[in-house]
Each structure stands twice: as structure tokens, then as C-alpha cells.
Amino acid sequence: MTIQISDKFFFKEEEYAICGVRGGELFSPKEHGLEPYSTSSGCWRGFQAFYNIIDNHLVIDNLFINLEKERKINDKQPKVLGKPDFNKEPSIESN
């Protein structure tokens, strides 16, 4: 069995892995008309969310999601990352 990639939560400059949630999902793509698909056995849900506290509200700060078609989410155009090239050295993009 493959370990699943976890969602992350940032709080007071610390990063925490979200391993379980009581009372249902924090984020449901289907509630936003999104139908993610899995591209890896490490992420059967097809997405990973990064949460943060902004103005005393829990928000998704970043969302990585596999979709068939590119589309805006909350009026934001997604950045298409493409498929990873495992033969290249990893690099970090600066915004």
C-alpha cells in the first residue's frame, strides 16, 4: 500500500500534515464543480490542499489538482504545471 500525500496546514510559521479530520472533508472539489483524477498511487484523491489562517479564517492557500480541462477557480486562472520530468534536477520557481 502506498502512503498517501497529505494536505498541509501552516500556522505560526510552522507546517503541519493533516492526517485526519473529524466531521467530514475540509475541501470537496465536487462542491466547486471540479472532478479531479489520480495520476499517482500516492494521491488517489487527485488533489492536495495547503491551508492557512488569513484574517481569522481557514482558507486554502494553494491547491494542486489534476483536472482534465483547465478552468478558473474563484476567478483565478490555474497555472498548468504539466507532467514532472524525473530525469531533471528539481528547481524552485520564484514568483
PDB file of N, CA and C in Angstrom:
ATOM      1  N   MET A   1       0.841  -1.176   0.000  1.00  0.00           N
ATOM      2  CA  MET A   1       0.000   0.000   0.000  1.00  0.00           C
ATOM      3  C   MET A   1       0.890   1.244   0.000  1.00  0.00           C
ATOM      4  N   THR A   2       0.563   2.208  -0.842  1.00  0.00           N
ATOM      5  CA  THR A   2       1.325   3.443  -0.961  1.00  0.00           C
ATOM      6  C   THR A   2       0.837   4.467   0.060  1.00  0.00           C
ATOM      7  N   ILE A   3       1.779   5.143   0.706  1.00  0.00           N
ATOM      8  CA  ILE A   3       1.406   6.223   1.627  1.00  0.00           C
ATOM      9  C   ILE A   3       0.818   7.360   0.799  1.00  0.00           C
ATOM     10  N   GLN A   4      -0.294   7.911   1.272  1.00  0.00           N
ATOM     11  CA  GLN A   4      -0.964   8.993   0.557  1.00  0.00           C
ATOM     12  C   GLN A   4      -0.356  10.344   0.926  1.00  0.00           C
ATOM     13  N   ILE A   5      -0.244  11.212  -0.070  1.00  0.00           N
ATOM     14  CA  ILE A   5       0.247  12.562   0.164  1.00  0.00           C
ATOM     15  C   ILE A   5      -0.777  13.281   1.035  1.00  0.00           C
ATOM     16  N   SER A   6      -0.297  14.024   2.020  1.00  0.00           N
ATOM     17  CA  SER A   6      -1.236  14.670   2.940  1.00  0.00           C
ATOM     18  C   SER A   6      -1.414  16.142   2.598  1.00  0.00           C
ATOM     19  N   ASP A   7      -2.554  16.670   3.000  1.00  0.00           N
ATOM     20  CA  ASP A   7      -2.761  18.109   2.937  1.00  0.00           C
ATOM     21  C   ASP A   7      -1.872  18.729   4.007  1.00  0.00           C
ATOM     22  N   LYS A   8      -1.601  20.017   3.861  1.00  0.00           N
ATOM     23  CA  LYS A   8      -0.728  20.716   4.812  1.00  0.00           C
ATOM     24  C   LYS A   8      -1.462  21.911   5.401  1.00  0.00           C
ATOM     25  N   PHE A   9      -1.072  22.271   6.607  1.00  0.00           N
ATOM     26  CA  PHE A   9      -1.628  23.422   7.309  1.00  0.00           C
ATOM     27  C   PHE A   9      -0.469  24.240   7.844  1.00  0.00           C
ATOM     28  N   PHE A  10      -0.463  25.535   7.552  1.00  0.00           N
ATOM     29  CA  PHE A  10       0.576  26.436   8.040  1.00  0.00           C
ATOM     30  C   PHE A  10      -0.004  27.281   9.173  1.00  0.00           C
ATOM     31  N   PHE A  11       0.687  27.272  10.306  1.00  0.00           N
ATOM     32  CA  PHE A  11       0.222  28.031  11.465  1.00  0.00           C
ATOM     33  C   PHE A  11       1.432  28.536  12.228  1.00  0.00           C
ATOM     34  N   LYS A  12       1.497  29.852  12.431  1.00  0.00           N
ATOM     35  CA  LYS A  12       2.599  30.493  13.157  1.00  0.00           C
ATOM     36  C   LYS A  12       3.954  30.036  12.630  1.00  0.00           C
ATOM     37  N   GLU A  13       4.091  30.102  11.307  1.00  0.00           N
ATOM     38  CA  GLU A  13       5.327  29.777  10.597  1.00  0.00           C
ATOM     39  C   GLU A  13       5.774  28.319  10.756  1.00  0.00           C
ATOM     40  N   GLU A  14       4.847  27.454  11.136  1.00  0.00           N
ATOM     41  CA  GLU A  14       5.118  26.014  11.224  1.00  0.00           C
ATOM     42  C   GLU A  14       4.221  25.287  10.226  1.00  0.00           C
ATOM     43  N   GLU A  15       4.719  24.184   9.691  1.00  0.00           N
ATOM     44  CA  GLU A  15       3.954  23.369   8.748  1.00  0.00           C
ATOM     45  C   GLU A  15       3.521  22.078   9.427  1.00  0.00           C
ATOM     46  N   TYR A  16       2.246  21.728   9.266  1.00  0.00           N
ATOM     47  CA  TYR A  16       1.682  20.518   9.853  1.00  0.00           C
ATOM     48  C   TYR A  16       1.029  19.681   8.761  1.00  0.00           C
ATOM     49  N   ALA A  17       1.191  18.379   8.836  1.00  0.00           N
ATOM     50  CA  ALA A  17       0.497  17.468   7.922  1.00  0.00           C
ATOM     51  C   ALA A  17      -0.878  17.168   8.514  1.00  0.00           C
ATOM     52  N   ILE A  18      -1.909  17.233   7.692  1.00  0.00           N
ATOM     53  CA  ILE A  18      -3.264  16.903   8.143  1.00  0.00           C
ATOM     54  C   ILE A  18      -3.475  15.420   7.873  1.00  0.00           C
ATOM     55  N   CYS A  19      -3.590  14.664   8.946  1.00  0.00           N
ATOM     56  CA  CYS A  19      -3.699  13.205   8.825  1.00  0.00           C
ATOM     57  C   CYS A  19      -5.130  12.708   8.918  1.00  0.00           C
ATOM     58  N   GLY A  20      -6.006  13.484   9.493  1.00  0.00           N
ATOM     59  CA  GLY A  20      -7.401  13.089   9.619  1.00  0.00           C
ATOM     60  C   GLY A  20      -8.236  14.267  10.073  1.00  0.00           C
ATOM     61  N   VAL A  21      -9.516  14.229   9.743  1.00  0.00           N
ATOM     62  CA  VAL A  21     -10.416  15.322  10.084  1.00  0.00           C
ATOM     63  C   VAL A  21     -11.707  14.724  10.617  1.00  0.00           C
ATOM     64  N   ARG A  22     -12.187  15.245  11.735  1.00  0.00           N
ATOM     65  CA  ARG A  22     -13.486  14.819  12.259  1.00  0.00           C
ATOM     66  C   ARG A  22     -14.585  15.655  11.634  1.00  0.00           C
ATOM     67  N   GLY A  23     -15.684  15.034  11.258  1.00  0.00           N
ATOM     68  CA  GLY A  23     -16.844  15.775  10.785  1.00  0.00           C
ATOM     69  C   GLY A  23     -16.897  16.019   9.291  1.00  0.00           C
ATOM     70  N   GLY A  24     -16.089  15.332   8.505  1.00  0.00           N
ATOM     71  CA  GLY A  24     -16.163  15.494   7.062  1.00  0.00           C
ATOM     72  C   GLY A  24     -14.923  16.152   6.495  1.00  0.00           C
ATOM     73  N   GLU A  25     -14.946  16.339   5.182  1.00  0.00           N
ATOM     74  CA  GLU A  25     -13.806  16.907   4.485  1.00  0.00           C
ATOM     75  C   GLU A  25     -13.691  18.409   4.730  1.00  0.00           C
ATOM     76  N   LEU A  26     -12.458  18.917   4.707  1.00  0.00           N
ATOM     77  CA  LEU A  26     -12.261  20.364   4.768  1.00  0.00           C
ATOM     78  C   LEU A  26     -12.584  20.992   3.417  1.00  0.00           C
ATOM     79  N   PHE A  27     -12.244  20.286   2.350  1.00  0.00           N
ATOM     80  CA  PHE A  27     -12.472  20.788   0.993  1.00  0.00           C
ATOM     81  C   PHE A  27     -12.979  19.637   0.129  1.00  0.00           C
ATOM     82  N   SER A  28     -14.037  19.902  -0.615  1.00  0.00           N
ATOM     83  CA  SER A  28     -14.580  18.922  -1.548  1.00  0.00           C
ATOM     84  C   SER A  28     -14.571  19.531  -2.947  1.00  0.00           C
ATOM     85  N   PRO A  29     -13.716  19.021  -3.838  1.00  0.00           N
ATOM     86  CA  PRO A  29     -13.672  19.557  -5.198  1.00  0.00           C
ATOM     87  C   PRO A  29     -15.025  19.534  -5.895  1.00  0.00           C
ATOM     88  N   LYS A  30     -15.817  18.490  -5.658  1.00  0.00           N
ATOM     89  CA  LYS A  30     -17.111  18.360  -6.333  1.00  0.00           C
ATOM     90  C   LYS A  30     -18.070  19.491  -5.975  1.00  0.00           C
ATOM     91  N   GLU A  31     -17.937  20.061  -4.766  1.00  0.00           N
ATOM     92  CA  GLU A  31     -18.776  21.198  -4.376  1.00  0.00           C
ATOM     93  C   GLU A  31     -18.463  22.439  -5.209  1.00  0.00           C
ATOM     94  N   HIS A  32     -17.337  22.415  -5.909  1.00  0.00           N
ATOM     95  CA  HIS A  32     -16.932  23.539  -6.759  1.00  0.00           C
ATOM     96  C   HIS A  32     -16.937  23.163  -8.241  1.00  0.00           C
ATOM     97  N   GLY A  33     -17.604  22.046  -8.554  1.00  0.00           N
ATOM     98  CA  GLY A  33     -17.715  21.605  -9.937  1.00  0.00           C
ATOM     99  C   GLY A  33     -16.433  21.034 -10.514  1.00  0.00           C
ATOM    100  N   LEU A  34     -15.533  20.588  -9.649  1.00  0.00           N
ATOM    101  CA  LEU A  34     -14.248  20.039 -10.084  1.00  0.00           C
ATOM    102  C   LEU A  34     -14.245  18.520  -9.916  1.00  0.00           C
ATOM    103  N   GLU A  35     -13.708  17.840 -10.898  1.00  0.00           N
ATOM    104  CA  GLU A  35     -13.616  16.383 -10.830  1.00  0.00           C
ATOM    105  C   GLU A  35     -12.173  15.952 -11.032  1.00  0.00           C
ATOM    106  N   PRO A  36     -11.414  15.913  -9.932  1.00  0.00           N
ATOM    107  CA  PRO A  36     -10.008  15.530 -10.049  1.00  0.00           C
ATOM    108  C   PRO A  36      -9.864  14.044 -10.342  1.00  0.00           C
ATOM    109  N   TYR A  37      -8.717  13.693 -10.897  1.00  0.00           N
ATOM    110  CA  TYR A  37      -8.412  12.283 -11.148  1.00  0.00           C
ATOM    111  C   TYR A  37      -7.006  12.000 -10.634  1.00  0.00           C
ATOM    112  N   SER A  38      -6.772  10.761 -10.308  1.00  0.00           N
ATOM    113  CA  SER A  38      -5.485  10.358  -9.766  1.00  0.00           C
ATOM    114  C   SER A  38      -4.475  10.125 -10.882  1.00  0.00           C
ATOM    115  N   THR A  39      -3.259  10.598 -10.673  1.00  0.00           N
ATOM    116  CA  THR A  39      -2.166  10.318 -11.603  1.00  0.00           C
ATOM    117  C   THR A  39      -1.069   9.525 -10.908  1.00  0.00           C
ATOM    118  N   SER A  40      -1.308   9.212  -9.627  1.00  0.00           N
ATOM    119  CA  SER A  40      -0.303   8.516  -8.838  1.00  0.00           C
ATOM    120  C   SER A  40      -0.985   7.697  -7.751  1.00  0.00           C
ATOM    121  N   SER A  41      -0.423   6.564  -7.418  1.00  0.00           N
ATOM    122  CA  SER A  41      -0.989   5.770  -6.330  1.00  0.00           C
ATOM    123  C   SER A  41      -0.740   6.447  -4.980  1.00  0.00           C
ATOM    124  N   GLY A  42       0.088   7.503  -4.968  1.00  0.00           N
ATOM    125  CA  GLY A  42       0.340   8.262  -3.750  1.00  0.00           C
ATOM    126  C   GLY A  42      -0.677   9.362  -3.518  1.00  0.00           C
ATOM    127  N   CYS A  43      -1.609   9.546  -4.473  1.00  0.00           N
ATOM    128  CA  CYS A  43      -2.621  10.606  -4.332  1.00  0.00           C
ATOM    129  C   CYS A  43      -3.896  10.167  -5.048  1.00  0.00           C
ATOM    130  N   TRP A  44      -4.607   9.227  -4.459  1.00  0.00           N
ATOM    131  CA  TRP A  44      -5.830   8.703  -5.075  1.00  0.00           C
ATOM    132  C   TRP A  44      -6.900   9.775  -5.214  1.00  0.00           C
ATOM    133  N   ARG A  45      -6.901  10.797  -4.341  1.00  0.00           N
ATOM    134  CA  ARG A  45      -7.920  11.856  -4.413  1.00  0.00           C
ATOM    135  C   ARG A  45      -7.731  12.744  -5.628  1.00  0.00           C
ATOM    136  N   GLY A  46      -6.489  12.850  -6.125  1.00  0.00           N
ATOM    137  CA  GLY A  46      -6.220  13.691  -7.286  1.00  0.00           C
ATOM    138  C   GLY A  46      -5.968  15.150  -6.949  1.00  0.00           C
ATOM    139  N   PHE A  47      -5.811  15.473  -5.674  1.00  0.00           N
ATOM    140  CA  PHE A  47      -5.516  16.854  -5.285  1.00  0.00           C
ATOM    141  C   PHE A  47      -4.800  16.890  -3.938  1.00  0.00           C
ATOM    142  N   GLN A  48      -4.134  18.015  -3.702  1.00  0.00           N
ATOM    143  CA  GLN A  48      -3.512  18.293  -2.415  1.00  0.00           C
ATOM    144  C   GLN A  48      -3.770  19.755  -2.096  1.00  0.00           C
ATOM    145  N   ALA A  49      -4.225  20.036  -0.879  1.00  0.00           N
ATOM    146  CA  ALA A  49      -4.541  21.396  -0.461  1.00  0.00           C
ATOM    147  C   ALA A  49      -3.579  21.849   0.630  1.00  0.00           C
ATOM    148  N   PHE A  50      -3.233  23.137   0.576  1.00  0.00           N
ATOM    149  CA  PHE A  50      -2.400  23.769   1.587  1.00  0.00           C
ATOM    150  C   PHE A  50      -3.248  24.853   2.247  1.00  0.00           C
ATOM    151  N   TYR A  51      -3.485  24.711   3.540  1.00  0.00           N
ATOM    152  CA  TYR A  51      -4.360  25.610   4.290  1.00  0.00           C
ATOM    153  C   TYR A  51      -3.551  26.623   5.094  1.00  0.00           C
ATOM    154  N   ASN A  52      -4.181  27.763   5.367  1.00  0.00           N
ATOM    155  CA  ASN A  52      -3.558  28.810   6.148  1.00  0.00           C
ATOM    156  C   ASN A  52      -4.665  29.573   6.869  1.00  0.00           C
ATOM    157  N   ILE A  53      -4.294  30.378   7.851  1.00  0.00           N
ATOM    158  CA  ILE A  53      -5.237  31.258   8.526  1.00  0.00           C
ATOM    159  C   ILE A  53      -5.004  32.669   7.980  1.00  0.00           C
ATOM    160  N   ILE A  54      -6.028  33.254   7.392  1.00  0.00           N
ATOM    161  CA  ILE A  54      -5.950  34.624   6.892  1.00  0.00           C
ATOM    162  C   ILE A  54      -7.156  35.379   7.432  1.00  0.00           C
ATOM    163  N   ASP A  55      -6.906  36.480   8.122  1.00  0.00           N
ATOM    164  CA  ASP A  55      -7.978  37.280   8.746  1.00  0.00           C
ATOM    165  C   ASP A  55      -8.900  36.412   9.593  1.00  0.00           C
ATOM    166  N   ASN A  56      -8.315  35.525  10.388  1.00  0.00           N
ATOM    167  CA  ASN A  56      -9.048  34.625  11.293  1.00  0.00           C
ATOM    168  C   ASN A  56      -9.960  33.637  10.576  1.00  0.00           C
ATOM    169  N   HIS A  57      -9.681  33.348   9.296  1.00  0.00           N
ATOM    170  CA  HIS A  57     -10.450  32.362   8.542  1.00  0.00           C
ATOM    171  C   HIS A  57      -9.513  31.280   8.021  1.00  0.00           C
ATOM    172  N   LEU A  58      -9.971  30.054   8.071  1.00  0.00           N
ATOM    173  CA  LEU A  58      -9.227  28.946   7.472  1.00  0.00           C
ATOM    174  C   LEU A  58      -9.457  28.989   5.969  1.00  0.00           C
ATOM    175  N   VAL A  59      -8.391  29.110   5.195  1.00  0.00           N
ATOM    176  CA  VAL A  59      -8.502  29.218   3.745  1.00  0.00           C
ATOM    177  C   VAL A  59      -7.533  28.255   3.070  1.00  0.00           C
ATOM    178  N   ILE A  60      -7.846  27.907   1.820  1.00  0.00           N
ATOM    179  CA  ILE A  60      -6.897  27.165   1.002  1.00  0.00           C
ATOM    180  C   ILE A  60      -5.958  28.190   0.390  1.00  0.00           C
ATOM    181  N   ASP A  61      -4.706  28.071   0.748  1.00  0.00           N
ATOM    182  CA  ASP A  61      -3.678  28.995   0.274  1.00  0.00           C
ATOM    183  C   ASP A  61      -3.148  28.555  -1.088  1.00  0.00           C
ATOM    184  N   ASN A  62      -3.015  27.254  -1.285  1.00  0.00           N
ATOM    185  CA  ASN A  62      -2.586  26.660  -2.557  1.00  0.00           C
ATOM    186  C   ASN A  62      -3.341  25.359  -2.770  1.00  0.00           C
ATOM    187  N   LEU A  63      -3.644  25.083  -4.015  1.00  0.00           N
ATOM    188  CA  LEU A  63      -4.339  23.849  -4.366  1.00  0.00           C
ATOM    189  C   LEU A  63      -3.677  23.254  -5.591  1.00  0.00           C
ATOM    190  N   PHE A  64      -3.228  22.030  -5.457  1.00  0.00           N
ATOM    191  CA  PHE A  64      -2.693  21.274  -6.587  1.00  0.00           C
ATOM    192  C   PHE A  64      -3.731  20.218  -6.924  1.00  0.00           C
ATOM    193  N   ILE A  65      -4.265  20.279  -8.154  1.00  0.00           N
ATOM    194  CA  ILE A  65      -5.370  19.402  -8.518  1.00  0.00           C
ATOM    195  C   ILE A  65      -5.204  18.934  -9.964  1.00  0.00           C
ATOM    196  N   ASN A  66      -5.462  17.665 -10.198  1.00  0.00           N
ATOM    197  CA  ASN A  66      -5.391  17.091 -11.547  1.00  0.00           C
ATOM    198  C   ASN A  66      -6.773  17.160 -12.179  1.00  0.00           C
ATOM    199  N   LEU A  67      -6.884  17.952 -13.253  1.00  0.00           N
ATOM    200  CA  LEU A  67      -8.152  18.100 -13.961  1.00  0.00           C
ATOM    201  C   LEU A  67      -7.958  17.768 -15.438  1.00  0.00           C
ATOM    202  N   GLU A  68      -9.002  17.283 -16.060  1.00  0.00           N
ATOM    203  CA  GLU A  68      -8.946  17.002 -17.499  1.00  0.00           C
ATOM    204  C   GLU A  68      -8.798  18.290 -18.296  1.00  0.00           C
ATOM    205  N   LYS A  69      -9.573  19.324 -17.902  1.00  0.00           N
ATOM    206  CA  LYS A  69      -9.556  20.598 -18.613  1.00  0.00           C
ATOM    207  C   LYS A  69      -9.206  21.717 -17.646  1.00  0.00           C
ATOM    208  N   GLU A  70      -8.406  22.646 -18.138  1.00  0.00           N
ATOM    209  CA  GLU A  70      -8.050  23.824 -17.359  1.00  0.00           C
ATOM    210  C   GLU A  70      -9.288  24.705 -17.209  1.00  0.00           C
ATOM    211  N   ARG A  71      -9.508  25.236 -16.006  1.00  0.00           N
ATOM    212  CA  ARG A  71     -10.612  26.174 -15.791  1.00  0.00           C
ATOM    213  C   ARG A  71     -10.334  27.045 -14.583  1.00  0.00           C
ATOM    214  N   LYS A  72     -10.951  28.225 -14.570  1.00  0.00           N
ATOM    215  CA  LYS A  72     -10.782  29.153 -13.460  1.00  0.00           C
ATOM    216  C   LYS A  72     -11.450  28.608 -12.207  1.00  0.00           C
ATOM    217  N   ILE A  73     -10.836  28.915 -11.074  1.00  0.00           N
ATOM    218  CA  ILE A  73     -11.391  28.556  -9.772  1.00  0.00           C
ATOM    219  C   ILE A  73     -11.425  29.841  -8.953  1.00  0.00           C
ATOM    220  N   ASN A  74     -12.614  30.254  -8.512  1.00  0.00           N
ATOM    221  CA  ASN A  74     -12.781  31.522  -7.790  1.00  0.00           C
ATOM    222  C   ASN A  74     -12.157  32.684  -8.561  1.00  0.00           C
ATOM    223  N   ASP A  75     -12.394  32.705  -9.852  1.00  0.00           N
ATOM    224  CA  ASP A  75     -11.890  33.754 -10.742  1.00  0.00           C
ATOM    225  C   ASP A  75     -10.371  33.780 -10.878  1.00  0.00           C
ATOM    226  N   LYS A  76      -9.708  32.704 -10.487  1.00  0.00           N
ATOM    227  CA  LYS A  76      -8.251  32.605 -10.616  1.00  0.00           C
ATOM    228  C   LYS A  76      -7.927  31.607 -11.716  1.00  0.00           C
ATOM    229  N   GLN A  77      -7.076  32.023 -12.633  1.00  0.00           N
ATOM    230  CA  GLN A  77      -6.630  31.141 -13.707  1.00  0.00           C
ATOM    231  C   GLN A  77      -5.553  30.214 -13.143  1.00  0.00           C
ATOM    232  N   PRO A  78      -5.704  28.907 -13.305  1.00  0.00           N
ATOM    233  CA  PRO A  78      -4.691  27.996 -12.766  1.00  0.00           C
ATOM    234  C   PRO A  78      -3.392  28.046 -13.568  1.00  0.00           C
ATOM    235  N   LYS A  79      -2.336  27.687 -12.889  1.00  0.00           N
ATOM    236  CA  LYS A  79      -1.038  27.561 -13.537  1.00  0.00           C
ATOM    237  C   LYS A  79      -0.872  26.093 -13.900  1.00  0.00           C
ATOM    238  N   VAL A  80      -0.709  25.812 -15.168  1.00  0.00           N
ATOM    239  CA  VAL A  80      -0.554  24.430 -15.616  1.00  0.00           C
ATOM    240  C   VAL A  80       0.887  24.013 -15.383  1.00  0.00           C
ATOM    241  N   LEU A  81       1.065  22.991 -14.567  1.00  0.00           N
ATOM    242  CA  LEU A  81       2.404  22.534 -14.217  1.00  0.00           C
ATOM    243  C   LEU A  81       2.935  21.498 -15.186  1.00  0.00           C
ATOM    244  N   GLY A  82       2.052  20.745 -15.815  1.00  0.00           N
ATOM    245  CA  GLY A  82       2.497  19.698 -16.720  1.00  0.00           C
ATOM    246  C   GLY A  82       2.974  18.478 -15.954  1.00  0.00           C
ATOM    247  N   LYS A  83       3.475  17.524 -16.695  1.00  0.00           N
ATOM    248  CA  LYS A  83       3.954  16.296 -16.077  1.00  0.00           C
ATOM    249  C   LYS A  83       5.398  16.470 -15.632  1.00  0.00           C
ATOM    250  N   PRO A  84       5.741  15.895 -14.474  1.00  0.00           N
ATOM    251  CA  PRO A  84       7.110  16.046 -13.994  1.00  0.00           C
ATOM    252  C   PRO A  84       8.102  15.274 -14.857  1.00  0.00           C
ATOM    253  N   ASP A  85       9.291  15.829 -15.010  1.00  0.00           N
ATOM    254  CA  ASP A  85      10.386  15.149 -15.701  1.00  0.00           C
ATOM    255  C   ASP A  85      11.336  14.656 -14.624  1.00  0.00           C
ATOM    256  N   PHE A  86      11.275  13.363 -14.339  1.00  0.00           N
ATOM    257  CA  PHE A  86      12.063  12.800 -13.253  1.00  0.00           C
ATOM    258  C   PHE A  86      13.545  12.690 -13.588  1.00  0.00           C
ATOM    259  N   ASN A  87      13.916  13.011 -14.820  1.00  0.00           N
ATOM    260  CA  ASN A  87      15.332  12.985 -15.210  1.00  0.00           C
ATOM    261  C   ASN A  87      16.010  14.331 -14.982  1.00  0.00           C
ATOM    262  N   LYS A  88      15.233  15.378 -14.638  1.00  0.00           N
ATOM    263  CA  LYS A  88      15.779  16.715 -14.402  1.00  0.00           C
ATOM    264  C   LYS A  88      16.001  16.946 -12.915  1.00  0.00           C
ATOM    265  N   GLU A  89      16.971  17.808 -12.621  1.00  0.00           N
ATOM    266  CA  GLU A  89      17.188  18.235 -11.242  1.00  0.00           C
ATOM    267  C   GLU A  89      16.012  19.110 -10.826  1.00  0.00           C
ATOM    268  N   PRO A  90      15.488  18.939  -9.604  1.00  0.00           N
ATOM    269  CA  PRO A  90      14.397  19.795  -9.160  1.00  0.00           C
ATOM    270  C   PRO A  90      14.858  21.230  -8.979  1.00  0.00           C
ATOM    271  N   SER A  91      13.958  22.169  -9.237  1.00  0.00           N
ATOM    272  CA  SER A  91      14.246  23.581  -9.016  1.00  0.00           C
ATOM    273  C   SER A  91      13.024  24.253  -8.437  1.00  0.00           C
ATOM    274  N   ILE A  92      13.254  25.372  -7.767  1.00  0.00           N
ATOM    275  CA  ILE A  92      12.153  26.131  -7.168  1.00  0.00           C
ATOM    276  C   ILE A  92      11.980  27.395  -7.973  1.00  0.00           C
ATOM    277  N   GLU A  93      10.738  27.618  -8.453  1.00  0.00           N
ATOM    278  CA  GLU A  93      10.442  28.849  -9.205  1.00  0.00           C
ATOM    279  C   GLU A  93      10.228  29.984  -8.237  1.00  0.00           C
ATOM    280  N   SER A  94      10.696  31.137  -8.602  1.00  0.00           N
ATOM    281  CA  SER A  94      10.400  32.315  -7.800  1.00  0.00           C
ATOM    282  C   SER A  94       9.268  33.077  -8.473  1.00  0.00           C
ATOM    283  N   ASN A  95       8.373  33.641  -7.645  1.00  0.00           N
ATOM    284  CA  ASN A  95       7.219  34.366  -8.186  1.00  0.00           C
ATOM    285  C   ASN A  95       7.570  35.774  -8.530  1.00  0.00           C
TER     286      ASN A  95
END
